[in-house]
PDB file of N, CA and C in Angstrom:
ATOM      1  N   MET A   1     -36.375 -46.885 -90.279  1.00  0.00           N
ATOM      2  CA  MET A   1     -35.374 -45.877 -89.992  1.00  0.00           C
ATOM      3  C   MET A   1     -34.012 -46.390 -90.492  1.00  0.00           C
ATOM      4  N   THR A   2     -33.292 -45.538 -91.169  1.00  0.00           N
ATOM      5  CA  THR A   2     -31.994 -45.938 -91.716  1.00  0.00           C
ATOM      6  C   THR A   2     -30.886 -45.670 -90.701  1.00  0.00           C
ATOM      7  N   GLU A   3     -29.826 -46.440 -90.838  1.00  0.00           N
ATOM      8  CA  GLU A   3     -28.652 -46.249 -89.986  1.00  0.00           C
ATOM      9  C   GLU A   3     -27.989 -44.929 -90.344  1.00  0.00           C
ATOM     10  N   PRO A   4     -27.479 -44.208 -89.361  1.00  0.00           N
ATOM     11  CA  PRO A   4     -26.752 -42.969 -89.694  1.00  0.00           C
ATOM     12  C   PRO A   4     -25.448 -43.298 -90.407  1.00  0.00           C
ATOM     13  N   SER A   5     -25.027 -42.401 -91.261  1.00  0.00           N
ATOM     14  CA  SER A   5     -23.753 -42.584 -91.969  1.00  0.00           C
ATOM     15  C   SER A   5     -22.608 -42.294 -91.014  1.00  0.00           C
ATOM     16  N   ILE A   6     -21.412 -42.720 -91.402  1.00  0.00           N
ATOM     17  CA  ILE A   6     -20.239 -42.429 -90.589  1.00  0.00           C
ATOM     18  C   ILE A   6     -20.034 -40.918 -90.466  1.00  0.00           C
ATOM     19  N   ASP A   7     -20.336 -40.178 -91.521  1.00  0.00           N
ATOM     20  CA  ASP A   7     -20.218 -38.716 -91.468  1.00  0.00           C
ATOM     21  C   ASP A   7     -21.149 -38.133 -90.400  1.00  0.00           C
ATOM     22  N   GLU A   8     -22.379 -38.643 -90.329  1.00  0.00           N
ATOM     23  CA  GLU A   8     -23.324 -38.148 -89.327  1.00  0.00           C
ATOM     24  C   GLU A   8     -22.866 -38.499 -87.914  1.00  0.00           C
ATOM     25  N   LEU A   9     -22.325 -39.710 -87.755  1.00  0.00           N
ATOM     26  CA  LEU A   9     -21.828 -40.108 -86.437  1.00  0.00           C
ATOM     27  C   LEU A   9     -20.689 -39.208 -85.981  1.00  0.00           C
ATOM     28  N   ILE A  10     -19.783 -38.915 -86.905  1.00  0.00           N
ATOM     29  CA  ILE A  10     -18.649 -38.050 -86.570  1.00  0.00           C
ATOM     30  C   ILE A  10     -19.132 -36.633 -86.287  1.00  0.00           C
ATOM     31  N   ASP A  11     -20.035 -36.123 -87.150  1.00  0.00           N
ATOM     32  CA  ASP A  11     -20.564 -34.770 -86.931  1.00  0.00           C
ATOM     33  C   ASP A  11     -21.213 -34.643 -85.554  1.00  0.00           C
ATOM     34  N   ASN A  12     -21.869 -35.726 -85.098  1.00  0.00           N
ATOM     35  CA  ASN A  12     -22.539 -35.713 -83.796  1.00  0.00           C
ATOM     36  C   ASN A  12     -21.616 -36.125 -82.655  1.00  0.00           C
ATOM     37  N   GLU A  13     -20.352 -36.373 -82.976  1.00  0.00           N
ATOM     38  CA  GLU A  13     -19.344 -36.777 -81.998  1.00  0.00           C
ATOM     39  C   GLU A  13     -19.804 -37.966 -81.161  1.00  0.00           C
ATOM     40  N   ASP A  14     -20.444 -38.928 -81.834  1.00  0.00           N
ATOM     41  CA  ASP A  14     -20.898 -40.160 -81.186  1.00  0.00           C
ATOM     42  C   ASP A  14     -19.791 -41.200 -81.349  1.00  0.00           C
ATOM     43  N   TRP A  15     -18.747 -41.074 -80.534  1.00  0.00           N
ATOM     44  CA  TRP A  15     -17.530 -41.870 -80.721  1.00  0.00           C
ATOM     45  C   TRP A  15     -17.749 -43.351 -80.466  1.00  0.00           C
ATOM     46  N   ASP A  16     -18.665 -43.717 -79.574  1.00  0.00           N
ATOM     47  CA  ASP A  16     -18.965 -45.140 -79.365  1.00  0.00           C
ATOM     48  C   ASP A  16     -19.584 -45.737 -80.625  1.00  0.00           C
ATOM     49  N   ALA A  17     -20.489 -44.988 -81.248  1.00  0.00           N
ATOM     50  CA  ALA A  17     -21.116 -45.465 -82.484  1.00  0.00           C
ATOM     51  C   ALA A  17     -20.104 -45.516 -83.623  1.00  0.00           C
ATOM     52  N   VAL A  18     -19.156 -44.559 -83.653  1.00  0.00           N
ATOM     53  CA  VAL A  18     -18.091 -44.583 -84.666  1.00  0.00           C
ATOM     54  C   VAL A  18     -17.262 -45.850 -84.498  1.00  0.00           C
ATOM     55  N   ALA A  19     -16.923 -46.174 -83.257  1.00  0.00           N
ATOM     56  CA  ALA A  19     -16.134 -47.384 -82.991  1.00  0.00           C
ATOM     57  C   ALA A  19     -16.889 -48.635 -83.441  1.00  0.00           C
ATOM     58  N   ARG A  20     -18.184 -48.705 -83.132  1.00  0.00           N
ATOM     59  CA  ARG A  20     -18.988 -49.856 -83.569  1.00  0.00           C
ATOM     60  C   ARG A  20     -19.039 -49.928 -85.089  1.00  0.00           C
ATOM     61  N   TRP A  21     -19.206 -48.766 -85.742  1.00  0.00           N
ATOM     62  CA  TRP A  21     -19.258 -48.725 -87.201  1.00  0.00           C
ATOM     63  C   TRP A  21     -17.955 -49.275 -87.775  1.00  0.00           C
ATOM     64  N   CYS A  22     -16.826 -48.865 -87.211  1.00  0.00           N
ATOM     65  CA  CYS A  22     -15.524 -49.325 -87.697  1.00  0.00           C
ATOM     66  C   CYS A  22     -15.347 -50.821 -87.467  1.00  0.00           C
ATOM     67  N   GLU A  23     -15.794 -51.319 -86.312  1.00  0.00           N
ATOM     68  CA  GLU A  23     -15.685 -52.746 -86.021  1.00  0.00           C
ATOM     69  C   GLU A  23     -16.502 -53.584 -86.992  1.00  0.00           C
ATOM     70  N   ASN A  24     -17.614 -53.049 -87.454  1.00  0.00           N
ATOM     71  CA  ASN A  24     -18.504 -53.795 -88.340  1.00  0.00           C
ATOM     72  C   ASN A  24     -18.295 -53.468 -89.816  1.00  0.00           C
ATOM     73  N   PHE A  25     -17.278 -52.687 -90.117  1.00  0.00           N
ATOM     74  CA  PHE A  25     -17.026 -52.259 -91.495  1.00  0.00           C
ATOM     75  C   PHE A  25     -16.764 -53.467 -92.390  1.00  0.00           C
ATOM     76  N   ASP A  26     -17.424 -53.514 -93.519  1.00  0.00           N
ATOM     77  CA  ASP A  26     -17.263 -54.601 -94.488  1.00  0.00           C
ATOM     78  C   ASP A  26     -16.636 -54.028 -95.753  1.00  0.00           C
ATOM     79  N   ALA A  27     -15.340 -54.219 -95.908  1.00  0.00           N
ATOM     80  CA  ALA A  27     -14.607 -53.645 -97.041  1.00  0.00           C
ATOM     81  C   ALA A  27     -15.111 -54.173 -98.382  1.00  0.00           C
ATOM     82  N   GLU A  28     -15.651 -55.371 -98.402  1.00  0.00           N
ATOM     83  CA  GLU A  28     -16.147 -55.951 -99.658  1.00  0.00           C
ATOM     84  C   GLU A  28     -17.385 -55.202-100.164  1.00  0.00           C
ATOM     85  N   ARG A  29     -18.143 -54.614 -99.260  1.00  0.00           N
ATOM     86  CA  ARG A  29     -19.365 -53.905 -99.649  1.00  0.00           C
ATOM     87  C   ARG A  29     -19.180 -52.395 -99.700  1.00  0.00           C
ATOM     88  N   ALA A  30     -17.990 -51.930 -99.390  1.00  0.00           N
ATOM     89  CA  ALA A  30     -17.736 -50.487 -99.320  1.00  0.00           C
ATOM     90  C   ALA A  30     -17.781 -49.849-100.705  1.00  0.00           C
ATOM     91  N   VAL A  31     -18.241 -48.622-100.733  1.00  0.00           N
ATOM     92  CA  VAL A  31     -18.208 -47.836-101.966  1.00  0.00           C
ATOM     93  C   VAL A  31     -16.792 -47.291-102.101  1.00  0.00           C
ATOM     94  N   ARG A  32     -16.178 -47.546-103.223  1.00  0.00           N
ATOM     95  CA  ARG A  32     -14.803 -47.105-103.425  1.00  0.00           C
ATOM     96  C   ARG A  32     -14.798 -45.762-104.149  1.00  0.00           C
ATOM     97  N   ARG A  33     -14.048 -44.831-103.595  1.00  0.00           N
ATOM     98  CA  ARG A  33     -13.913 -43.508-104.204  1.00  0.00           C
ATOM     99  C   ARG A  33     -12.437 -43.141-104.210  1.00  0.00           C
ATOM    100  N   PRO A  34     -12.028 -42.328-105.151  1.00  0.00           N
ATOM    101  CA  PRO A  34     -10.625 -41.901-105.162  1.00  0.00           C
ATOM    102  C   PRO A  34     -10.297 -41.112-103.900  1.00  0.00           C
ATOM    103  N   ILE A  35      -9.057 -41.229-103.446  1.00  0.00           N
ATOM    104  CA  ILE A  35      -8.629 -40.509-102.242  1.00  0.00           C
ATOM    105  C   ILE A  35      -8.766 -39.001-102.450  1.00  0.00           C
ATOM    106  N   SER A  36      -8.596 -38.539-103.685  1.00  0.00           N
ATOM    107  CA  SER A  36      -8.728 -37.103-103.942  1.00  0.00           C
ATOM    108  C   SER A  36     -10.146 -36.621-103.644  1.00  0.00           C
ATOM    109  N   ASP A  37     -11.123 -37.496-103.784  1.00  0.00           N
ATOM    110  CA  ASP A  37     -12.509 -37.169-103.461  1.00  0.00           C
ATOM    111  C   ASP A  37     -12.601 -36.790-101.978  1.00  0.00           C
ATOM    112  N   TRP A  38     -11.965 -37.573-101.137  1.00  0.00           N
ATOM    113  CA  TRP A  38     -11.968 -37.317 -99.699  1.00  0.00           C
ATOM    114  C   TRP A  38     -11.203 -36.047 -99.364  1.00  0.00           C
ATOM    115  N   TRP A  39     -10.012 -35.880 -99.954  1.00  0.00           N
ATOM    116  CA  TRP A  39      -9.212 -34.680 -99.686  1.00  0.00           C
ATOM    117  C   TRP A  39      -9.965 -33.416-100.076  1.00  0.00           C
ATOM    118  N   LEU A  40     -10.656 -33.486-101.210  1.00  0.00           N
ATOM    119  CA  LEU A  40     -11.420 -32.324-101.670  1.00  0.00           C
ATOM    120  C   LEU A  40     -12.536 -31.998-100.686  1.00  0.00           C
ATOM    121  N   ARG A  41     -13.229 -33.019-100.216  1.00  0.00           N
ATOM    122  CA  ARG A  41     -14.311 -32.778 -99.260  1.00  0.00           C
ATOM    123  C   ARG A  41     -13.761 -32.139 -97.984  1.00  0.00           C
ATOM    124  N   CYS A  42     -12.616 -32.606 -97.502  1.00  0.00           N
ATOM    125  CA  CYS A  42     -12.004 -32.030 -96.292  1.00  0.00           C
ATOM    126  C   CYS A  42     -11.617 -30.572 -96.515  1.00  0.00           C
ATOM    127  N   ALA A  43     -10.962 -30.290 -97.629  1.00  0.00           N
ATOM    128  CA  ALA A  43     -10.536 -28.911 -97.911  1.00  0.00           C
ATOM    129  C   ALA A  43     -11.745 -27.993 -98.053  1.00  0.00           C
ATOM    130  N   ALA A  44     -12.775 -28.470 -98.728  1.00  0.00           N
ATOM    131  CA  ALA A  44     -13.954 -27.639 -98.978  1.00  0.00           C
ATOM    132  C   ALA A  44     -14.776 -27.407 -97.716  1.00  0.00           C
ATOM    133  N   SER A  45     -14.731 -28.338 -96.776  1.00  0.00           N
ATOM    134  CA  SER A  45     -15.559 -28.194 -95.577  1.00  0.00           C
ATOM    135  C   SER A  45     -14.900 -27.338 -94.500  1.00  0.00           C
ATOM    136  N   ASP A  46     -13.627 -27.011 -94.675  1.00  0.00           N
ATOM    137  CA  ASP A  46     -12.917 -26.182 -93.692  1.00  0.00           C
ATOM    138  C   ASP A  46     -13.001 -24.721 -94.117  1.00  0.00           C
ATOM    139  N   PRO A  47     -13.722 -23.900 -93.359  1.00  0.00           N
ATOM    140  CA  PRO A  47     -13.857 -22.493 -93.758  1.00  0.00           C
ATOM    141  C   PRO A  47     -12.532 -21.740 -93.769  1.00  0.00           C
ATOM    142  N   GLU A  48     -11.516 -22.298 -93.131  1.00  0.00           N
ATOM    143  CA  GLU A  48     -10.202 -21.667 -93.103  1.00  0.00           C
ATOM    144  C   GLU A  48      -9.341 -22.041 -94.319  1.00  0.00           C
ATOM    145  N   SER A  49      -9.815 -22.989 -95.147  1.00  0.00           N
ATOM    146  CA  SER A  49      -9.036 -23.415 -96.317  1.00  0.00           C
ATOM    147  C   SER A  49      -8.923 -22.281 -97.322  1.00  0.00           C
ATOM    148  N   PRO A  50      -7.698 -21.947 -97.717  1.00  0.00           N
ATOM    149  CA  PRO A  50      -7.552 -20.933 -98.762  1.00  0.00           C
ATOM    150  C   PRO A  50      -8.059 -21.480-100.093  1.00  0.00           C
ATOM    151  N   ASP A  51      -8.556 -20.596-100.935  1.00  0.00           N
ATOM    152  CA  ASP A  51      -9.085 -20.997-102.232  1.00  0.00           C
ATOM    153  C   ASP A  51      -8.049 -21.780-103.037  1.00  0.00           C
ATOM    154  N   GLU A  52      -6.781 -21.430-102.891  1.00  0.00           N
ATOM    155  CA  GLU A  52      -5.734 -22.128-103.643  1.00  0.00           C
ATOM    156  C   GLU A  52      -5.648 -23.600-103.240  1.00  0.00           C
ATOM    157  N   LEU A  53      -5.870 -23.912-101.955  1.00  0.00           N
ATOM    158  CA  LEU A  53      -5.865 -25.303-101.507  1.00  0.00           C
ATOM    159  C   LEU A  53      -7.023 -26.070-102.146  1.00  0.00           C
ATOM    160  N   VAL A  54      -8.210 -25.473-102.138  1.00  0.00           N
ATOM    161  CA  VAL A  54      -9.369 -26.114-102.754  1.00  0.00           C
ATOM    162  C   VAL A  54      -9.099 -26.314-104.244  1.00  0.00           C
ATOM    163  N   ARG A  55      -8.537 -25.308-104.893  1.00  0.00           N
ATOM    164  CA  ARG A  55      -8.216 -25.394-106.319  1.00  0.00           C
ATOM    165  C   ARG A  55      -7.239 -26.558-106.584  1.00  0.00           C
ATOM    166  N   THR A  56      -6.234 -26.715-105.714  1.00  0.00           N
ATOM    167  CA  THR A  56      -5.267 -27.813-105.857  1.00  0.00           C
ATOM    168  C   THR A  56      -5.962 -29.161-105.697  1.00  0.00           C
ATOM    169  N   LYS A  57      -6.859 -29.266-104.737  1.00  0.00           N
ATOM    170  CA  LYS A  57      -7.577 -30.522-104.509  1.00  0.00           C
ATOM    171  C   LYS A  57      -8.538 -30.823-105.657  1.00  0.00           C
ATOM    172  N   VAL A  58      -9.140 -29.791-106.231  1.00  0.00           N
ATOM    173  CA  VAL A  58      -9.989 -29.992-107.417  1.00  0.00           C
ATOM    174  C   VAL A  58      -9.134 -30.548-108.552  1.00  0.00           C
ATOM    175  N   GLY A  59      -7.954 -29.972-108.758  1.00  0.00           N
ATOM    176  CA  GLY A  59      -7.064 -30.469-109.812  1.00  0.00           C
ATOM    177  C   GLY A  59      -6.691 -31.929-109.600  1.00  0.00           C
ATOM    178  N   ALA A  60      -6.417 -32.314-108.342  1.00  0.00           N
ATOM    179  CA  ALA A  60      -6.093 -33.709-108.039  1.00  0.00           C
ATOM    180  C   ALA A  60      -7.295 -34.614-108.295  1.00  0.00           C
ATOM    181  N   ALA A  61      -8.469 -34.143-107.920  1.00  0.00           N
ATOM    182  CA  ALA A  61      -9.677 -34.929-108.155  1.00  0.00           C
ATOM    183  C   ALA A  61      -9.908 -35.129-109.651  1.00  0.00           C
ATOM    184  N   ARG A  62      -9.739 -34.079-110.424  1.00  0.00           N
ATOM    185  CA  ARG A  62      -9.906 -34.192-111.877  1.00  0.00           C
ATOM    186  C   ARG A  62      -8.878 -35.162-112.459  1.00  0.00           C
ATOM    187  N   ALA A  63      -7.632 -35.120-111.971  1.00  0.00           N
ATOM    188  CA  ALA A  63      -6.590 -36.035-112.449  1.00  0.00           C
ATOM    189  C   ALA A  63      -6.944 -37.485-112.118  1.00  0.00           C
ATOM    190  N   ASP A  64      -7.693 -37.701-111.019  1.00  0.00           N
ATOM    191  CA  ASP A  64      -8.144 -39.040-110.641  1.00  0.00           C
ATOM    192  C   ASP A  64      -9.403 -39.453-111.402  1.00  0.00           C
ATOM    193  N   GLY A  65      -9.929 -38.557-112.231  1.00  0.00           N
ATOM    194  CA  GLY A  65     -11.112 -38.892-113.022  1.00  0.00           C
ATOM    195  C   GLY A  65     -12.434 -38.543-112.372  1.00  0.00           C
ATOM    196  N   VAL A  66     -12.406 -37.750-111.311  1.00  0.00           N
ATOM    197  CA  VAL A  66     -13.642 -37.340-110.647  1.00  0.00           C
ATOM    198  C   VAL A  66     -14.365 -36.339-111.556  1.00  0.00           C
ATOM    199  N   SER A  67     -15.648 -36.553-111.744  1.00  0.00           N
ATOM    200  CA  SER A  67     -16.431 -35.699-112.651  1.00  0.00           C
ATOM    201  C   SER A  67     -16.692 -34.333-112.037  1.00  0.00           C
ATOM    202  N   TRP A  68     -16.995 -33.380-112.909  1.00  0.00           N
ATOM    203  CA  TRP A  68     -17.369 -32.044-112.426  1.00  0.00           C
ATOM    204  C   TRP A  68     -18.662 -32.117-111.625  1.00  0.00           C
ATOM    205  N   GLN A  69     -19.551 -33.048-111.980  1.00  0.00           N
ATOM    206  CA  GLN A  69     -20.787 -33.199-111.219  1.00  0.00           C
ATOM    207  C   GLN A  69     -20.470 -33.584-109.773  1.00  0.00           C
ATOM    208  N   ARG A  70     -19.575 -34.570-109.586  1.00  0.00           N
ATOM    209  CA  ARG A  70     -19.210 -35.005-108.232  1.00  0.00           C
ATOM    210  C   ARG A  70     -18.474 -33.892-107.486  1.00  0.00           C
ATOM    211  N   ILE A  71     -17.587 -33.191-108.164  1.00  0.00           N
ATOM    212  CA  ILE A  71     -16.868 -32.076-107.535  1.00  0.00           C
ATOM    213  C   ILE A  71     -17.862 -31.022-107.061  1.00  0.00           C
ATOM    214  N   GLY A  72     -18.840 -30.711-107.894  1.00  0.00           N
ATOM    215  CA  GLY A  72     -19.878 -29.768-107.498  1.00  0.00           C
ATOM    216  C   GLY A  72     -20.627 -30.239-106.258  1.00  0.00           C
ATOM    217  N   GLU A  73     -20.958 -31.541-106.213  1.00  0.00           N
ATOM    218  CA  GLU A  73     -21.644 -32.093-105.036  1.00  0.00           C
ATOM    219  C   GLU A  73     -20.799 -31.905-103.781  1.00  0.00           C
ATOM    220  N   LEU A  74     -19.513 -32.212-103.879  1.00  0.00           N
ATOM    221  CA  LEU A  74     -18.621 -32.103-102.721  1.00  0.00           C
ATOM    222  C   LEU A  74     -18.455 -30.660-102.262  1.00  0.00           C
ATOM    223  N   LEU A  75     -18.504 -29.728-103.204  1.00  0.00           N
ATOM    224  CA  LEU A  75     -18.320 -28.312-102.882  1.00  0.00           C
ATOM    225  C   LEU A  75     -19.633 -27.609-102.576  1.00  0.00           C
ATOM    226  N   GLY A  76     -20.753 -28.305-102.785  1.00  0.00           N
ATOM    227  CA  GLY A  76     -22.051 -27.687-102.572  1.00  0.00           C
ATOM    228  C   GLY A  76     -22.391 -26.669-103.644  1.00  0.00           C
ATOM    229  N   LEU A  77     -21.900 -26.926-104.861  1.00  0.00           N
ATOM    230  CA  LEU A  77     -22.115 -26.025-105.999  1.00  0.00           C
ATOM    231  C   LEU A  77     -22.744 -26.778-107.155  1.00  0.00           C
ATOM    232  N   PRO A  78     -23.471 -26.080-108.017  1.00  0.00           N
ATOM    233  CA  PRO A  78     -23.905 -26.720-109.252  1.00  0.00           C
ATOM    234  C   PRO A  78     -22.670 -27.100-110.084  1.00  0.00           C
ATOM    235  N   GLU A  79     -22.789 -28.155-110.856  1.00  0.00           N
ATOM    236  CA  GLU A  79     -21.678 -28.637-111.685  1.00  0.00           C
ATOM    237  C   GLU A  79     -21.047 -27.523-112.515  1.00  0.00           C
ATOM    238  N   ALA A  80     -21.875 -26.747-113.206  1.00  0.00           N
ATOM    239  CA  ALA A  80     -21.352 -25.689-114.083  1.00  0.00           C
ATOM    240  C   ALA A  80     -20.586 -24.629-113.298  1.00  0.00           C
ATOM    241  N   GLU A  81     -21.080 -24.281-112.113  1.00  0.00           N
ATOM    242  CA  GLU A  81     -20.393 -23.270-111.310  1.00  0.00           C
ATOM    243  C   GLU A  81     -19.052 -23.791-110.796  1.00  0.00           C
ATOM    244  N   ALA A  82     -19.013 -25.052-110.375  1.00  0.00           N
ATOM    245  CA  ALA A  82     -17.749 -25.645-109.917  1.00  0.00           C
ATOM    246  C   ALA A  82     -16.729 -25.644-111.050  1.00  0.00           C
ATOM    247  N   GLN A  83     -17.167 -26.029-112.237  1.00  0.00           N
ATOM    248  CA  GLN A  83     -16.246 -26.065-113.380  1.00  0.00           C
ATOM    249  C   GLN A  83     -15.782 -24.663-113.754  1.00  0.00           C
ATOM    250  N   GLN A  84     -16.705 -23.728-113.758  1.00  0.00           N
ATOM    251  CA  GLN A  84     -16.343 -22.349-114.116  1.00  0.00           C
ATOM    252  C   GLN A  84     -15.353 -21.771-113.111  1.00  0.00           C
ATOM    253  N   ARG A  85     -15.566 -22.033-111.836  1.00  0.00           N
ATOM    254  CA  ARG A  85     -14.728 -21.460-110.789  1.00  0.00           C
ATOM    255  C   ARG A  85     -13.340 -22.113-110.720  1.00  0.00           C
ATOM    256  N   TYR A  86     -13.272 -23.442-110.945  1.00  0.00           N
ATOM    257  CA  TYR A  86     -12.019 -24.162-110.681  1.00  0.00           C
ATOM    258  C   TYR A  86     -11.338 -24.751-111.900  1.00  0.00           C
ATOM    259  N   ASP A  87     -11.901 -24.584-113.081  1.00  0.00           N
ATOM    260  CA  ASP A  87     -11.272 -25.142-114.290  1.00  0.00           C
ATOM    261  C   ASP A  87     -10.398 -24.119-115.003  1.00  0.00           C
ATOM    262  N   SER A  88     -10.037 -23.084-114.293  1.00  0.00           N
ATOM    263  CA  SER A  88      -9.159 -22.072-114.869  1.00  0.00           C
ATOM    264  C   SER A  88      -8.130 -21.677-113.821  1.00  0.00           C
ATOM    265  N   PRO A  89      -7.014 -21.126-114.248  1.00  0.00           N
ATOM    266  CA  PRO A  89      -5.999 -20.692-113.275  1.00  0.00           C
ATOM    267  C   PRO A  89      -6.571 -19.647-112.322  1.00  0.00           C
ATOM    268  N   ALA A  90      -6.036 -19.619-111.136  1.00  0.00           N
ATOM    269  CA  ALA A  90      -6.479 -18.630-110.144  1.00  0.00           C
ATOM    270  C   ALA A  90      -6.129 -17.234-110.634  1.00  0.00           C
ATOM    271  N   GLU A  91      -7.020 -16.303-110.343  1.00  0.00           N
ATOM    272  CA  GLU A  91      -6.743 -14.917-110.700  1.00  0.00           C
ATOM    273  C   GLU A  91      -5.768 -14.346-109.689  1.00  0.00           C
ATOM    274  N   PRO A  92      -4.808 -13.550-110.148  1.00  0.00           N
ATOM    275  CA  PRO A  92      -3.856 -12.954-109.192  1.00  0.00           C
ATOM    276  C   PRO A  92      -4.563 -12.059-108.186  1.00  0.00           C
ATOM    277  N   SER A  93      -4.075 -12.076-106.961  1.00  0.00           N
ATOM    278  CA  SER A  93      -4.689 -11.263-105.901  1.00  0.00           C
ATOM    279  C   SER A  93      -4.247  -9.830-105.975  1.00  0.00           C
TER     280      SER A  93
END
């Protein structure tokens, strides 16, 4: 059985396990990702986020070198759909 990820611990509101995870965190073994990757995931996971906010975070992620494949993963979209939707200016409302 594998250890739950920090995301799973937070989703399950297991705050004692989150605290233990943080206490045992090993920065030398951590996977490093651009901060824009995290911001994009937060914006995309909030159903209240306006499309313009997600679009701004996609632009920041692209500026940090995040691939369209990774952006698609974070948004829950195929790579081509993420690029088609967010690689162009927003359409006026």
